[in-house]
């Protein structure tokens, strides 16, 4: 077997509810089972994502994310 790279990254967005902040979080799972929070950043207020097109833009950015 050749060299295997461990790559397990999860990107999640919590759009929140009512007056919350929408937050994007990047997690990395290590081979030993540890989970590391790589980043967590507010991306706006929940009200900014009431429009389906705004939510879809964020979802598309996440789907197209390359390591």
N, C-alpha and C. Protein backbone atom coordinates (compact mmCIF):
# COMPACT_ATOMS: atom_id res chain seq x y z
N UNK A 1 0.83 -1.19 0.00
CA UNK A 1 0.00 0.00 0.00
C UNK A 1 0.87 1.24 0.00
N UNK A 2 0.44 2.22 -0.72
CA UNK A 2 1.17 3.48 -0.78
C UNK A 2 0.84 4.38 0.40
N UNK A 3 1.38 5.55 0.35
CA UNK A 3 1.14 6.54 1.39
C UNK A 3 -0.32 6.97 1.36
N UNK A 4 -0.96 6.94 2.52
CA UNK A 4 -2.36 7.37 2.63
C UNK A 4 -2.42 8.66 3.42
N UNK A 5 -3.12 9.63 2.90
CA UNK A 5 -3.29 10.90 3.60
C UNK A 5 -4.63 10.86 4.32
N UNK A 6 -4.62 11.24 5.58
CA UNK A 6 -5.85 11.32 6.35
C UNK A 6 -6.45 12.68 6.11
N UNK A 7 -7.65 12.71 5.58
CA UNK A 7 -8.32 13.98 5.32
C UNK A 7 -9.78 13.83 5.65
N UNK A 8 -10.18 14.39 6.75
CA UNK A 8 -11.58 14.34 7.14
C UNK A 8 -11.95 15.70 7.69
N UNK A 9 -12.47 16.54 6.82
CA UNK A 9 -12.85 17.90 7.20
C UNK A 9 -14.34 18.08 7.00
N UNK A 10 -14.97 18.70 7.98
CA UNK A 10 -16.40 18.97 7.92
C UNK A 10 -16.61 20.47 8.01
N UNK A 11 -17.42 21.00 7.11
CA UNK A 11 -17.78 22.42 7.16
C UNK A 11 -19.28 22.49 7.37
N UNK A 12 -19.67 23.19 8.40
CA UNK A 12 -21.09 23.31 8.70
C UNK A 12 -21.50 24.75 8.89
N UNK A 13 -22.75 25.05 8.58
CA UNK A 13 -23.29 26.38 8.78
C UNK A 13 -24.56 26.27 9.61
N UNK A 14 -24.60 27.04 10.67
CA UNK A 14 -25.81 27.16 11.47
C UNK A 14 -26.40 28.52 11.14
N UNK A 15 -27.50 28.51 10.41
CA UNK A 15 -28.11 29.78 10.00
C UNK A 15 -28.84 30.46 11.16
N UNK A 16 -29.02 29.77 12.27
CA UNK A 16 -29.62 30.39 13.44
C UNK A 16 -31.12 30.51 13.36
N UNK A 17 -31.64 31.27 14.32
CA UNK A 17 -33.08 31.46 14.45
C UNK A 17 -33.35 32.85 15.01
N UNK A 18 -34.32 33.54 14.45
CA UNK A 18 -34.72 34.88 14.88
C UNK A 18 -33.55 35.86 14.84
N UNK A 19 -33.06 36.32 16.00
CA UNK A 19 -32.02 37.36 16.05
C UNK A 19 -30.61 36.79 16.23
N UNK A 20 -30.42 35.50 15.95
CA UNK A 20 -29.11 34.87 16.12
C UNK A 20 -28.13 35.33 15.04
N UNK A 21 -26.89 34.94 15.27
CA UNK A 21 -25.86 35.08 14.25
C UNK A 21 -25.77 33.77 13.47
N UNK A 22 -25.54 33.87 12.18
CA UNK A 22 -25.25 32.69 11.37
C UNK A 22 -23.75 32.44 11.48
N UNK A 23 -23.37 31.17 11.71
CA UNK A 23 -21.97 30.84 11.97
C UNK A 23 -21.52 29.69 11.07
N UNK A 24 -20.34 29.86 10.48
CA UNK A 24 -19.71 28.79 9.70
C UNK A 24 -18.60 28.19 10.55
N UNK A 25 -18.60 26.87 10.69
CA UNK A 25 -17.61 26.17 11.50
C UNK A 25 -16.90 25.11 10.66
N UNK A 26 -15.60 25.05 10.78
CA UNK A 26 -14.79 24.04 10.10
C UNK A 26 -14.19 23.13 11.16
N UNK A 27 -14.46 21.82 11.03
CA UNK A 27 -13.96 20.81 11.96
C UNK A 27 -13.04 19.85 11.22
N UNK A 28 -12.04 19.34 11.92
CA UNK A 28 -11.15 18.33 11.34
C UNK A 28 -11.09 17.15 12.29
N UNK A 29 -11.33 15.95 11.75
CA UNK A 29 -11.23 14.74 12.55
C UNK A 29 -9.88 14.09 12.31
N UNK A 30 -9.16 13.81 13.39
CA UNK A 30 -7.84 13.20 13.31
C UNK A 30 -7.96 11.68 13.36
N UNK A 31 -6.94 10.98 12.85
CA UNK A 31 -6.98 9.52 12.83
C UNK A 31 -7.18 8.89 14.20
N UNK A 32 -6.73 9.57 15.27
CA UNK A 32 -6.88 9.01 16.62
C UNK A 32 -8.25 9.29 17.23
N UNK A 33 -9.15 9.91 16.44
CA UNK A 33 -10.51 10.16 16.91
C UNK A 33 -10.76 11.55 17.44
N UNK A 34 -9.71 12.33 17.66
CA UNK A 34 -9.90 13.70 18.14
C UNK A 34 -10.59 14.55 17.08
N UNK A 35 -11.39 15.49 17.53
CA UNK A 35 -12.02 16.44 16.62
C UNK A 35 -11.53 17.83 17.00
N UNK A 36 -11.00 18.54 16.01
CA UNK A 36 -10.43 19.86 16.22
C UNK A 36 -11.31 20.90 15.53
N UNK A 37 -11.61 21.98 16.25
CA UNK A 37 -12.31 23.11 15.62
C UNK A 37 -11.23 23.96 14.96
N UNK A 38 -11.22 23.95 13.64
CA UNK A 38 -10.22 24.69 12.88
C UNK A 38 -10.58 26.17 12.86
N UNK A 39 -11.86 26.45 12.65
CA UNK A 39 -12.31 27.84 12.67
C UNK A 39 -13.81 27.89 12.92
N UNK A 40 -14.23 29.01 13.45
CA UNK A 40 -15.64 29.27 13.67
C UNK A 40 -15.82 30.76 13.51
N UNK A 41 -16.62 31.15 12.53
CA UNK A 41 -16.74 32.58 12.25
C UNK A 41 -18.18 32.97 11.95
N UNK A 42 -18.60 34.11 12.47
CA UNK A 42 -19.93 34.61 12.12
C UNK A 42 -19.91 35.06 10.66
N UNK A 43 -20.97 34.72 9.94
CA UNK A 43 -21.05 35.12 8.53
C UNK A 43 -22.20 36.09 8.29
N UNK A 44 -22.85 36.51 9.34
CA UNK A 44 -23.95 37.46 9.23
C UNK A 44 -25.02 37.16 10.26
N UNK A 45 -26.10 37.88 10.17
CA UNK A 45 -27.24 37.66 11.05
C UNK A 45 -28.21 36.71 10.36
N UNK A 46 -29.00 36.04 11.15
CA UNK A 46 -29.99 35.11 10.59
C UNK A 46 -30.87 35.79 9.57
N UNK A 47 -31.25 37.03 9.84
CA UNK A 47 -32.14 37.78 8.93
C UNK A 47 -31.49 37.95 7.55
N UNK A 48 -30.15 37.95 7.49
CA UNK A 48 -29.45 38.09 6.20
C UNK A 48 -29.68 36.89 5.30
N UNK A 49 -30.13 35.77 5.88
CA UNK A 49 -30.28 34.53 5.12
C UNK A 49 -31.73 34.08 5.01
N UNK A 50 -32.66 35.00 5.23
CA UNK A 50 -34.08 34.67 5.07
C UNK A 50 -34.42 34.39 3.61
N UNK A 51 -33.68 35.02 2.72
CA UNK A 51 -33.89 34.83 1.28
C UNK A 51 -33.23 33.51 0.86
N UNK A 52 -34.00 32.61 0.23
CA UNK A 52 -33.43 31.32 -0.19
C UNK A 52 -32.18 31.46 -1.07
N UNK A 53 -32.11 32.49 -1.88
CA UNK A 53 -30.94 32.69 -2.75
C UNK A 53 -29.68 32.96 -1.92
N UNK A 54 -29.84 33.69 -0.82
CA UNK A 54 -28.70 33.98 0.06
C UNK A 54 -28.20 32.71 0.73
N UNK A 55 -29.12 31.89 1.19
CA UNK A 55 -28.74 30.61 1.80
C UNK A 55 -28.06 29.71 0.77
N UNK A 56 -28.61 29.66 -0.42
CA UNK A 56 -28.06 28.80 -1.46
C UNK A 56 -26.64 29.22 -1.83
N UNK A 57 -26.37 30.51 -1.84
CA UNK A 57 -25.03 31.00 -2.16
C UNK A 57 -24.01 30.43 -1.17
N UNK A 58 -24.34 30.44 0.13
CA UNK A 58 -23.45 29.90 1.15
C UNK A 58 -23.29 28.39 0.97
N UNK A 59 -24.38 27.70 0.72
CA UNK A 59 -24.35 26.25 0.52
C UNK A 59 -23.48 25.90 -0.68
N UNK A 60 -23.62 26.65 -1.76
CA UNK A 60 -22.80 26.40 -2.95
C UNK A 60 -21.32 26.63 -2.68
N UNK A 61 -20.99 27.67 -1.91
CA UNK A 61 -19.59 27.94 -1.56
C UNK A 61 -19.00 26.77 -0.78
N UNK A 62 -19.78 26.20 0.13
CA UNK A 62 -19.30 25.08 0.91
C UNK A 62 -19.12 23.84 0.03
N UNK A 63 -20.07 23.58 -0.83
CA UNK A 63 -19.98 22.42 -1.73
C UNK A 63 -18.78 22.51 -2.65
N UNK A 64 -18.39 23.71 -3.04
CA UNK A 64 -17.28 23.90 -3.98
C UNK A 64 -15.94 24.10 -3.28
N UNK A 65 -15.92 23.99 -1.96
CA UNK A 65 -14.69 24.17 -1.18
C UNK A 65 -13.70 23.07 -1.50
N UNK A 66 -12.46 23.46 -1.78
CA UNK A 66 -11.39 22.49 -2.06
C UNK A 66 -10.30 22.68 -1.01
N UNK A 67 -9.79 21.55 -0.51
CA UNK A 67 -8.68 21.59 0.44
C UNK A 67 -7.38 21.83 -0.27
